[in-house]
Amino acid sequence: MGYGITKQSARKWVLPIQITVPNDFPSLLLTRLKNAANSWNTQTGLPLFVFIGLKTSIVSLKKQDGAGGSFTAGDGGLGKPIKDVNSILSIGTQISDHNILHELGHVLGLAHEEERPGDKTQAFYSSKKSVNPKVQSWLLDAQWDNCRNNQKQFGYMAHGDFDANSVMKYGNSNGTLSAGDIAVVQAIYG
């Protein structure tokens, strides 16, 4: 189904998550980001994201060059309570729609499917279809155990079985949320 924070986690947001949009953020990129947020909102049936121009929101939006994206949780990172305006969602000017959905999944507290505790072999073979060779080598080395221990420390848990169709799985690029993505967010925030 999915892998992420628990319903009781200090990392859980009070909904809706307010995202500050800077004045110079590209309008086309903002439209794509709002479309992705709307997918999460409508498919889960929850008011997850809103976009505002105030500088008092919880997540600040930042443009970056390239096709990537990232999310940095405020006040010490994952596993600690989210407070104030310290969290940053960075979106690349050339990012894919799938990766926007993926980064919003991180904002919601979801981790990569490959990082879930349990069967490393299943996660590895599932990711062999990945277009990113770094993922394959990453899953083979000792970082797997370190990652698994860190995720336990942050209070993440597996919600059901490994979801090979998850937007949070490396290598997926279909640009849609899986039934598991929707179910895990409903389980956490519903």
N, C-alpha and C. Protein backbone atom coordinates (compact mmCIF):
# COMPACT_ATOMS: atom_id res chain seq x y z
N MET A 1 0.82 -1.19 0.00
CA MET A 1 0.00 0.00 0.00
C MET A 1 0.86 1.25 0.00
N GLY A 2 1.77 1.39 0.97
CA GLY A 2 2.61 2.57 1.03
C GLY A 2 3.53 2.51 2.22
N TYR A 3 4.42 3.48 2.31
CA TYR A 3 5.40 3.53 3.39
C TYR A 3 5.55 4.98 3.81
N GLY A 4 5.28 5.28 5.07
CA GLY A 4 5.38 6.66 5.53
C GLY A 4 5.11 6.80 7.00
N ILE A 5 4.82 8.02 7.40
CA ILE A 5 4.58 8.33 8.80
C ILE A 5 3.31 7.64 9.30
N THR A 6 3.15 7.62 10.60
CA THR A 6 1.94 7.04 11.19
C THR A 6 0.92 8.14 11.47
N LYS A 7 -0.28 7.73 11.75
CA LYS A 7 -1.36 8.67 12.07
C LYS A 7 -1.01 9.50 13.31
N GLN A 8 -0.19 8.96 14.22
CA GLN A 8 0.17 9.64 15.45
C GLN A 8 1.50 10.41 15.36
N SER A 9 2.13 10.40 14.22
CA SER A 9 3.46 10.98 14.07
C SER A 9 3.49 12.48 14.33
N ALA A 10 4.58 12.93 14.91
CA ALA A 10 4.80 14.37 15.07
C ALA A 10 5.04 15.04 13.72
N ARG A 11 5.35 14.23 12.70
CA ARG A 11 5.59 14.74 11.35
C ARG A 11 4.29 14.97 10.60
N LYS A 12 3.18 14.61 11.19
CA LYS A 12 1.89 14.75 10.52
C LYS A 12 1.46 16.22 10.54
N TRP A 13 1.01 16.71 9.39
CA TRP A 13 0.57 18.09 9.26
C TRP A 13 -0.85 18.28 9.78
N VAL A 14 -1.15 19.51 10.17
CA VAL A 14 -2.52 19.93 10.36
C VAL A 14 -2.99 20.40 8.99
N LEU A 15 -4.11 19.86 8.52
CA LEU A 15 -4.57 20.16 7.16
C LEU A 15 -5.40 21.44 7.13
N PRO A 16 -5.41 22.16 6.04
CA PRO A 16 -4.61 21.91 4.83
C PRO A 16 -3.18 22.42 4.99
N ILE A 17 -2.28 21.82 4.25
CA ILE A 17 -0.88 22.25 4.24
C ILE A 17 -0.82 23.51 3.38
N GLN A 18 -0.38 24.59 3.97
CA GLN A 18 -0.30 25.87 3.25
C GLN A 18 1.07 26.02 2.62
N ILE A 19 1.09 26.28 1.32
CA ILE A 19 2.34 26.45 0.59
C ILE A 19 2.41 27.88 0.09
N THR A 20 3.47 28.59 0.49
CA THR A 20 3.68 29.97 0.06
C THR A 20 4.24 29.98 -1.35
N VAL A 21 3.64 30.78 -2.22
CA VAL A 21 4.10 30.92 -3.60
C VAL A 21 4.81 32.26 -3.74
N PRO A 22 6.11 32.25 -4.05
CA PRO A 22 6.81 33.52 -4.24
C PRO A 22 6.32 34.23 -5.50
N ASN A 23 6.41 35.55 -5.51
CA ASN A 23 5.93 36.35 -6.64
C ASN A 23 6.61 35.99 -7.96
N ASP A 24 7.86 35.59 -7.91
CA ASP A 24 8.60 35.32 -9.15
C ASP A 24 8.53 33.86 -9.59
N PHE A 25 7.67 33.04 -8.97
CA PHE A 25 7.57 31.64 -9.34
C PHE A 25 6.90 31.55 -10.71
N PRO A 26 7.48 30.78 -11.65
CA PRO A 26 6.93 30.70 -13.02
C PRO A 26 5.47 30.21 -13.02
N SER A 27 4.62 30.93 -13.72
CA SER A 27 3.18 30.63 -13.70
C SER A 27 2.85 29.25 -14.27
N LEU A 28 3.52 28.84 -15.35
CA LEU A 28 3.27 27.53 -15.92
C LEU A 28 3.65 26.42 -14.95
N LEU A 29 4.78 26.57 -14.28
CA LEU A 29 5.21 25.59 -13.29
C LEU A 29 4.25 25.56 -12.10
N LEU A 30 3.76 26.73 -11.70
CA LEU A 30 2.80 26.79 -10.61
C LEU A 30 1.49 26.08 -10.99
N THR A 31 1.05 26.25 -12.23
CA THR A 31 -0.16 25.57 -12.70
C THR A 31 0.03 24.06 -12.63
N ARG A 32 1.19 23.57 -13.04
CA ARG A 32 1.47 22.13 -12.99
C ARG A 32 1.51 21.63 -11.55
N LEU A 33 2.10 22.44 -10.66
CA LEU A 33 2.16 22.07 -9.25
C LEU A 33 0.75 22.04 -8.65
N LYS A 34 -0.06 23.02 -8.98
CA LYS A 34 -1.44 23.04 -8.47
C LYS A 34 -2.24 21.86 -9.01
N ASN A 35 -2.01 21.48 -10.26
CA ASN A 35 -2.69 20.31 -10.83
C ASN A 35 -2.31 19.04 -10.07
N ALA A 36 -1.02 18.91 -9.74
CA ALA A 36 -0.57 17.73 -8.99
C ALA A 36 -1.18 17.74 -7.59
N ALA A 37 -1.19 18.90 -6.95
CA ALA A 37 -1.79 19.00 -5.61
C ALA A 37 -3.28 18.67 -5.68
N ASN A 38 -3.93 19.12 -6.73
CA ASN A 38 -5.35 18.83 -6.91
C ASN A 38 -5.58 17.32 -7.08
N SER A 39 -4.66 16.63 -7.74
CA SER A 39 -4.77 15.17 -7.86
C SER A 39 -4.75 14.52 -6.48
N TRP A 40 -3.82 14.94 -5.63
CA TRP A 40 -3.78 14.41 -4.26
C TRP A 40 -5.07 14.75 -3.53
N ASN A 41 -5.52 16.01 -3.63
CA ASN A 41 -6.71 16.45 -2.91
C ASN A 41 -7.95 15.67 -3.35
N THR A 42 -8.19 15.59 -4.66
CA THR A 42 -9.43 14.98 -5.14
C THR A 42 -9.42 13.47 -5.02
N GLN A 43 -8.28 12.84 -5.29
CA GLN A 43 -8.25 11.38 -5.25
C GLN A 43 -8.28 10.83 -3.83
N THR A 44 -7.78 11.59 -2.86
CA THR A 44 -7.86 11.14 -1.47
C THR A 44 -9.14 11.61 -0.79
N GLY A 45 -9.79 12.62 -1.38
CA GLY A 45 -10.97 13.19 -0.76
C GLY A 45 -10.65 14.05 0.46
N LEU A 46 -9.39 14.46 0.57
CA LEU A 46 -8.94 15.25 1.71
C LEU A 46 -8.42 16.62 1.25
N PRO A 47 -8.61 17.66 2.06
CA PRO A 47 -8.08 18.98 1.71
C PRO A 47 -6.61 19.09 2.09
N LEU A 48 -5.73 18.49 1.30
CA LEU A 48 -4.33 18.38 1.68
C LEU A 48 -3.53 19.66 1.47
N PHE A 49 -3.69 20.29 0.30
CA PHE A 49 -2.83 21.41 -0.05
C PHE A 49 -3.63 22.64 -0.44
N VAL A 50 -3.15 23.82 -0.03
CA VAL A 50 -3.64 25.09 -0.52
C VAL A 50 -2.43 25.97 -0.81
N PHE A 51 -2.57 26.87 -1.76
CA PHE A 51 -1.49 27.77 -2.15
C PHE A 51 -1.87 29.19 -1.80
N ILE A 52 -0.96 29.87 -1.12
CA ILE A 52 -1.23 31.23 -0.68
C ILE A 52 -0.04 32.12 -0.99
N GLY A 53 -0.25 33.40 -0.96
CA GLY A 53 0.83 34.35 -1.21
C GLY A 53 1.45 34.89 0.06
N LEU A 54 0.88 34.54 1.21
CA LEU A 54 1.39 35.05 2.48
C LEU A 54 2.71 34.39 2.83
N LYS A 55 3.52 35.08 3.57
CA LYS A 55 4.80 34.52 3.98
C LYS A 55 4.69 33.85 5.35
N THR A 56 3.47 33.56 5.77
CA THR A 56 3.27 32.93 7.08
C THR A 56 2.86 31.47 6.95
N SER A 57 2.96 30.91 5.76
CA SER A 57 2.55 29.52 5.60
C SER A 57 3.62 28.59 6.15
N ILE A 58 3.33 27.31 6.10
CA ILE A 58 4.21 26.31 6.69
C ILE A 58 5.28 25.84 5.72
N VAL A 59 4.96 25.78 4.43
CA VAL A 59 5.91 25.32 3.42
C VAL A 59 6.18 26.44 2.43
N SER A 60 7.45 26.73 2.22
CA SER A 60 7.83 27.73 1.23
C SER A 60 8.19 27.03 -0.07
N LEU A 61 7.71 27.56 -1.17
CA LEU A 61 7.97 27.01 -2.49
C LEU A 61 9.21 27.70 -3.06
N LYS A 62 10.09 26.92 -3.66
CA LYS A 62 11.33 27.46 -4.21
C LYS A 62 11.57 26.87 -5.59
N LYS A 63 11.94 27.72 -6.53
CA LYS A 63 12.28 27.26 -7.88
C LYS A 63 13.75 26.89 -7.89
N GLN A 64 14.07 25.82 -8.61
CA GLN A 64 15.47 25.44 -8.82
C GLN A 64 15.66 25.09 -10.28
N ASP A 65 16.88 25.09 -10.73
CA ASP A 65 17.18 24.71 -12.11
C ASP A 65 17.10 23.20 -12.26
N GLY A 66 16.84 22.75 -13.47
CA GLY A 66 16.89 21.33 -13.77
C GLY A 66 15.56 20.62 -13.64
N ALA A 67 15.65 19.28 -13.65
CA ALA A 67 14.46 18.44 -13.71
C ALA A 67 14.11 17.81 -12.37
N GLY A 68 14.83 18.15 -11.32
CA GLY A 68 14.60 17.51 -10.04
C GLY A 68 13.72 18.29 -9.11
N GLY A 69 13.61 17.78 -7.92
CA GLY A 69 12.85 18.41 -6.87
C GLY A 69 13.28 17.84 -5.54
N SER A 70 12.90 18.51 -4.46
CA SER A 70 13.23 18.01 -3.14
C SER A 70 12.31 18.64 -2.11
N PHE A 71 12.24 18.00 -0.95
CA PHE A 71 11.49 18.55 0.16
C PHE A 71 12.35 18.47 1.40
N THR A 72 12.47 19.58 2.11
CA THR A 72 13.21 19.63 3.36
C THR A 72 12.25 20.02 4.46
N ALA A 73 12.06 19.12 5.41
CA ALA A 73 11.15 19.39 6.52
C ALA A 73 11.81 20.35 7.50
N GLY A 74 11.01 21.22 8.08
CA GLY A 74 11.53 22.24 9.00
C GLY A 74 11.90 21.70 10.36
N ASP A 75 12.64 22.52 11.09
CA ASP A 75 13.01 22.26 12.48
C ASP A 75 13.67 20.90 12.70
N GLY A 76 14.75 20.68 12.02
CA GLY A 76 15.54 19.49 12.31
C GLY A 76 15.24 18.31 11.42
N GLY A 77 14.28 18.42 10.52
CA GLY A 77 14.06 17.37 9.55
C GLY A 77 13.03 16.35 9.98
N LEU A 78 13.02 15.27 9.24
CA LEU A 78 12.00 14.24 9.43
C LEU A 78 12.07 13.62 10.81
N GLY A 79 10.92 13.27 11.31
CA GLY A 79 10.86 12.62 12.60
C GLY A 79 10.65 13.57 13.76
N LYS A 80 10.77 14.86 13.51
CA LYS A 80 10.59 15.86 14.55
C LYS A 80 9.36 16.69 14.21
N PRO A 81 8.76 17.32 15.23
CA PRO A 81 7.56 18.11 14.95
C PRO A 81 7.81 19.20 13.93
N ILE A 82 6.82 19.42 13.08
CA ILE A 82 6.90 20.48 12.08
C ILE A 82 6.35 21.74 12.67
N LYS A 83 7.13 22.81 12.62
CA LYS A 83 6.70 24.08 13.18
C LYS A 83 7.12 25.20 12.25
N ASP A 84 6.41 26.28 12.34
CA ASP A 84 6.78 27.53 11.70
C ASP A 84 6.92 27.41 10.19
N VAL A 85 7.83 28.21 9.62
CA VAL A 85 7.93 28.34 8.16
C VAL A 85 9.25 27.79 7.67
N ASN A 86 9.72 26.70 8.22
CA ASN A 86 11.06 26.22 7.90
C ASN A 86 11.12 25.12 6.85
N SER A 87 10.00 24.66 6.36
CA SER A 87 10.01 23.59 5.38
C SER A 87 10.04 24.17 3.97
N ILE A 88 10.81 23.54 3.10
CA ILE A 88 10.99 24.07 1.74
C ILE A 88 10.71 22.97 0.72
N LEU A 89 9.84 23.27 -0.23
CA LEU A 89 9.56 22.40 -1.36
C LEU A 89 10.23 23.04 -2.57
N SER A 90 11.27 22.38 -3.09
CA SER A 90 11.99 22.88 -4.27
C SER A 90 11.53 22.13 -5.50
N ILE A 91 11.18 22.88 -6.54
CA ILE A 91 10.67 22.29 -7.78
C ILE A 91 11.54 22.79 -8.94
N GLY A 92 12.09 21.86 -9.70
CA GLY A 92 12.92 22.21 -10.84
C GLY A 92 12.10 22.75 -11.99
N THR A 93 12.68 23.64 -12.73
CA THR A 93 11.96 24.27 -13.85
C THR A 93 11.63 23.27 -14.95
N GLN A 94 12.34 22.13 -14.99
CA GLN A 94 12.09 21.12 -16.01
C GLN A 94 11.58 19.81 -15.41
N ILE A 95 11.02 19.87 -14.23
CA ILE A 95 10.57 18.66 -13.53
C ILE A 95 9.37 18.03 -14.25
N SER A 96 9.29 16.72 -14.19
CA SER A 96 8.15 16.02 -14.80
C SER A 96 6.94 16.11 -13.87
N ASP A 97 5.75 15.92 -14.44
CA ASP A 97 4.53 15.91 -13.64
C ASP A 97 4.57 14.78 -12.61
N HIS A 98 5.13 13.64 -13.00
CA HIS A 98 5.26 12.52 -12.07
C HIS A 98 6.10 12.93 -10.87
N ASN A 99 7.23 13.59 -11.11
CA ASN A 99 8.11 13.97 -10.00
C ASN A 99 7.48 15.03 -9.10
N ILE A 100 6.61 15.87 -9.65
CA ILE A 100 5.88 16.82 -8.80
C ILE A 100 4.98 16.04 -7.83
N LEU A 101 4.24 15.06 -8.35
CA LEU A 101 3.41 14.21 -7.48
C LEU A 101 4.27 13.54 -6.40
N HIS A 102 5.43 13.05 -6.82
CA HIS A 102 6.36 12.36 -5.93
C HIS A 102 6.82 13.30 -4.79
N GLU A 103 7.23 14.52 -5.14
CA GLU A 103 7.70 15.46 -4.12
C GLU A 103 6.57 15.85 -3.17
N LEU A 104 5.36 16.00 -3.68
CA LEU A 104 4.22 16.28 -2.79
C LEU A 104 3.97 15.09 -1.86
N GLY A 105 4.26 13.88 -2.33
CA GLY A 105 4.18 12.70 -1.45
C GLY A 105 5.14 12.83 -0.27
N HIS A 106 6.35 13.33 -0.53
CA HIS A 106 7.30 13.55 0.56
C HIS A 106 6.76 14.60 1.54
N VAL A 107 6.16 15.66 1.00
CA VAL A 107 5.57 16.68 1.88
C VAL A 107 4.55 16.03 2.82
N LEU A 108 3.78 15.09 2.30
CA LEU A 108 2.75 14.41 3.09
C LEU A 108 3.33 13.42 4.11
N GLY A 109 4.63 13.14 4.00
CA GLY A 109 5.26 12.23 4.95
C GLY A 109 5.51 10.85 4.41
N LEU A 110 5.42 10.68 3.09
CA LEU A 110 5.69 9.37 2.49
C LEU A 110 7.16 9.24 2.15
N ALA A 111 7.68 8.04 2.27
CA ALA A 111 9.06 7.74 1.92
C ALA A 111 9.06 6.90 0.65
N HIS A 112 10.24 6.63 0.13
CA HIS A 112 10.36 5.79 -1.06
C HIS A 112 9.97 4.35 -0.71
N GLU A 113 9.25 3.72 -1.61
CA GLU A 113 8.86 2.32 -1.39
C GLU A 113 10.08 1.44 -1.16
N GLU A 114 11.18 1.73 -1.84
CA GLU A 114 12.38 0.92 -1.70
C GLU A 114 13.02 1.03 -0.32
N GLU A 115 12.62 2.00 0.47
CA GLU A 115 13.22 2.21 1.79
C GLU A 115 12.45 1.53 2.92
N ARG A 116 11.36 0.86 2.58
CA ARG A 116 10.55 0.24 3.62
C ARG A 116 11.31 -0.90 4.28
N PRO A 117 11.07 -1.11 5.58
CA PRO A 117 11.68 -2.26 6.24
C PRO A 117 11.12 -3.55 5.65
N GLY A 118 11.89 -4.58 5.67
CA GLY A 118 11.38 -5.85 5.16
C GLY A 118 12.28 -6.44 4.11
N ASP A 119 11.68 -6.89 3.03
CA ASP A 119 12.37 -7.68 2.03
C ASP A 119 13.15 -6.81 1.06
N LYS A 120 14.46 -6.71 1.28
CA LYS A 120 15.33 -5.95 0.39
C LYS A 120 15.28 -6.51 -1.03
N THR A 121 15.20 -7.82 -1.16
CA THR A 121 15.20 -8.44 -2.47
C THR A 121 14.00 -7.99 -3.30
N GLN A 122 12.82 -7.95 -2.67
CA GLN A 122 11.62 -7.53 -3.39
C GLN A 122 11.78 -6.09 -3.89
N ALA A 123 12.27 -5.22 -3.02
CA ALA A 123 12.45 -3.82 -3.41
C ALA A 123 13.48 -3.71 -4.52
N PHE A 124 14.56 -4.49 -4.43
CA PHE A 124 15.60 -4.41 -5.45
C PHE A 124 15.08 -4.88 -6.80
N TYR A 125 14.45 -6.05 -6.83
CA TYR A 125 13.99 -6.56 -8.13
C TYR A 125 12.89 -5.69 -8.72
N SER A 126 12.09 -5.11 -7.86
CA SER A 126 11.05 -4.21 -8.34
C SER A 126 11.68 -2.96 -8.96
N SER A 127 12.82 -2.52 -8.42
CA SER A 127 13.44 -1.30 -8.91
C SER A 127 14.37 -1.55 -10.09
N LYS A 128 14.60 -2.81 -10.47
CA LYS A 128 15.49 -3.09 -11.61
C LYS A 128 14.97 -2.45 -12.89
N LYS A 129 13.68 -2.14 -12.94
CA LYS A 129 13.11 -1.47 -14.10
C LYS A 129 13.42 0.02 -14.07
N SER A 130 14.03 0.48 -13.00
CA SER A 130 14.31 1.90 -12.82
C SER A 130 15.25 2.41 -13.90
N VAL A 131 15.02 3.64 -14.32
CA VAL A 131 15.91 4.26 -15.29
C VAL A 131 17.12 4.87 -14.59
N ASN A 132 17.14 4.84 -13.28
CA ASN A 132 18.22 5.44 -12.51
C ASN A 132 19.14 4.34 -11.99
N PRO A 133 20.32 4.15 -12.62
CA PRO A 133 21.21 3.08 -12.17
C PRO A 133 21.74 3.28 -10.76
N LYS A 134 21.76 4.53 -10.27
CA LYS A 134 22.21 4.78 -8.91
C LYS A 134 21.31 4.09 -7.90
N VAL A 135 20.02 4.01 -8.20
CA VAL A 135 19.08 3.35 -7.30
C VAL A 135 19.44 1.88 -7.16
N GLN A 136 19.78 1.23 -8.27
CA GLN A 136 20.10 -0.19 -8.23
C GLN A 136 21.33 -0.45 -7.37
N SER A 137 22.39 0.35 -7.57
CA SER A 137 23.60 0.11 -6.78
C SER A 137 23.37 0.50 -5.33
N TRP A 138 22.54 1.54 -5.11
CA TRP A 138 22.24 1.97 -3.74
C TRP A 138 21.57 0.86 -2.97
N LEU A 139 20.67 0.14 -3.61
CA LEU A 139 19.94 -0.92 -2.91
C LEU A 139 20.83 -2.12 -2.60
N LEU A 140 21.95 -2.22 -3.28
CA LEU A 140 22.82 -3.38 -3.07
C LEU A 140 23.83 -3.18 -1.96
N ASP A 141 24.11 -1.94 -1.58
CA ASP A 141 25.18 -1.73 -0.62
C ASP A 141 24.66 -1.58 0.81
N ALA A 142 25.57 -1.28 1.71
CA ALA A 142 25.24 -1.23 3.14
C ALA A 142 24.30 -0.10 3.50
N GLN A 143 24.10 0.85 2.61
CA GLN A 143 23.18 1.95 2.92
C GLN A 143 21.77 1.44 3.14
N TRP A 144 21.44 0.30 2.59
CA TRP A 144 20.09 -0.25 2.78
C TRP A 144 19.78 -0.37 4.28
N ASP A 145 20.70 -0.99 5.03
CA ASP A 145 20.47 -1.17 6.45
C ASP A 145 20.44 0.16 7.19
N ASN A 146 21.31 1.08 6.82
CA ASN A 146 21.31 2.40 7.46
C ASN A 146 20.00 3.11 7.20
N CYS A 147 19.54 3.06 5.98
CA CYS A 147 18.28 3.72 5.63
C CYS A 147 17.13 3.12 6.41
N ARG A 148 17.09 1.81 6.49
CA ARG A 148 16.01 1.12 7.20
C ARG A 148 16.01 1.52 8.67
N ASN A 149 17.19 1.59 9.28
CA ASN A 149 17.28 1.99 10.68
C ASN A 149 16.85 3.44 10.87
N ASN A 150 17.26 4.32 9.96
CA ASN A 150 16.86 5.72 10.05
C ASN A 150 15.35 5.87 9.93
N GLN A 151 14.74 5.13 9.03
CA GLN A 151 13.30 5.23 8.84
C GLN A 151 12.57 4.77 10.10
N LYS A 152 13.08 3.73 10.75
CA LYS A 152 12.48 3.28 12.01
C LYS A 152 12.56 4.39 13.05
N GLN A 153 13.73 5.03 13.11
CA GLN A 153 13.95 6.11 14.08
C GLN A 153 12.98 7.26 13.83
N PHE A 154 12.66 7.53 12.57
CA PHE A 154 11.77 8.64 12.24
C PHE A 154 10.30 8.29 12.43
N GLY A 155 10.01 7.06 12.79
CA GLY A 155 8.63 6.69 13.04
C GLY A 155 7.86 6.30 11.79
N TYR A 156 8.56 5.95 10.73
CA TYR A 156 7.88 5.51 9.52
C TYR A 156 7.44 4.07 9.70
N MET A 157 6.42 3.69 8.99
CA MET A 157 5.98 2.30 9.03
C MET A 157 5.43 1.89 7.67
N ALA A 158 5.47 0.60 7.43
CA ALA A 158 4.87 0.08 6.21
C ALA A 158 3.37 -0.01 6.42
N HIS A 159 2.64 0.55 5.47
CA HIS A 159 1.18 0.46 5.48
C HIS A 159 0.82 -0.56 4.39
N GLY A 160 0.74 -1.81 4.74
CA GLY A 160 0.43 -2.84 3.74
C GLY A 160 1.69 -3.30 3.01
N ASP A 161 1.47 -3.99 1.91
CA ASP A 161 2.57 -4.59 1.14
C ASP A 161 3.27 -3.57 0.25
N PHE A 162 4.42 -3.98 -0.27
CA PHE A 162 5.20 -3.18 -1.20
C PHE A 162 4.30 -2.80 -2.39
N ASP A 163 4.31 -1.54 -2.76
CA ASP A 163 3.46 -1.03 -3.84
C ASP A 163 4.33 -0.71 -5.06
N ALA A 164 4.40 -1.65 -5.99
CA ALA A 164 5.23 -1.47 -7.18
C ALA A 164 4.71 -0.36 -8.09
N ASN A 165 3.46 0.06 -7.92
CA ASN A 165 2.89 1.11 -8.76
C ASN A 165 2.88 2.49 -8.09
N SER A 166 3.46 2.58 -6.90
CA SER A 166 3.43 3.82 -6.14
C SER A 166 4.19 4.94 -6.85
N VAL A 167 3.67 6.16 -6.70
CA VAL A 167 4.36 7.34 -7.20
C VAL A 167 5.65 7.55 -6.39
N MET A 168 5.75 6.90 -5.23
CA MET A 168 6.93 7.02 -4.37
C MET A 168 7.99 5.97 -4.68
N LYS A 169 7.76 5.13 -5.68
CA LYS A 169 8.74 4.11 -6.07
C LYS A 169 9.62 4.65 -7.19
N TYR A 170 10.92 4.54 -6.98
CA TYR A 170 11.85 4.96 -8.04
C TYR A 170 11.56 4.18 -9.33
N GLY A 171 11.66 4.88 -10.43
CA GLY A 171 11.49 4.23 -11.72
C GLY A 171 10.09 4.32 -12.28
N ASN A 172 9.10 4.57 -11.44
CA ASN A 172 7.75 4.77 -11.97
C ASN A 172 7.69 6.16 -12.59
N SER A 173 7.05 6.25 -13.73
CA SER A 173 6.95 7.56 -14.37
C SER A 173 5.61 7.74 -15.07
N ASN A 174 4.59 7.04 -14.55
CA ASN A 174 3.29 7.12 -15.21
C ASN A 174 2.52 8.38 -14.85
N GLY A 175 2.98 9.12 -13.85
CA GLY A 175 2.35 10.39 -13.52
C GLY A 175 1.00 10.27 -12.85
N THR A 176 0.70 9.10 -12.27
CA THR A 176 -0.58 8.92 -11.58
C THR A 176 -0.34 8.34 -10.20
N LEU A 177 -1.27 8.60 -9.31
CA LEU A 177 -1.22 8.02 -7.98
C LEU A 177 -1.76 6.60 -8.02
N SER A 178 -1.14 5.71 -7.27
CA SER A 178 -1.65 4.34 -7.20
C SER A 178 -2.75 4.26 -6.15
N ALA A 179 -3.48 3.17 -6.17
CA ALA A 179 -4.50 2.95 -5.14
C ALA A 179 -3.84 2.93 -3.77
N GLY A 180 -2.61 2.41 -3.70
CA GLY A 180 -1.88 2.38 -2.43
C GLY A 180 -1.48 3.76 -1.96
N ASP A 181 -1.05 4.64 -2.87
CA ASP A 181 -0.71 6.01 -2.50
C ASP A 181 -1.91 6.70 -1.86
N ILE A 182 -3.05 6.53 -2.48
CA ILE A 182 -4.29 7.16 -2.00
C ILE A 182 -4.67 6.57 -0.64
N ALA A 183 -4.61 5.25 -0.53
CA ALA A 183 -5.02 4.58 0.71
C ALA A 183 -4.12 4.96 1.88
N VAL A 184 -2.82 5.05 1.66
CA VAL A 184 -1.92 5.36 2.78
C VAL A 184 -2.13 6.79 3.26
N VAL A 185 -2.35 7.73 2.36
CA VAL A 185 -2.60 9.11 2.78
C VAL A 185 -3.94 9.22 3.50
N GLN A 186 -4.93 8.47 3.04
CA GLN A 186 -6.22 8.45 3.74
C GLN A 186 -6.06 7.83 5.15
N ALA A 187 -5.21 6.82 5.26
CA ALA A 187 -4.98 6.18 6.56
C ALA A 187 -4.29 7.14 7.53
N ILE A 188 -3.38 7.95 7.03
CA ILE A 188 -2.62 8.87 7.88
C ILE A 188 -3.46 10.10 8.25
N TYR A 189 -4.13 10.69 7.26
CA TYR A 189 -4.80 11.98 7.45
C TYR A 189 -6.31 11.90 7.58
N GLY A 190 -6.89 10.77 7.24
CA GLY A 190 -8.35 10.65 7.24
C GLY A 190 -8.96 10.45 8.60
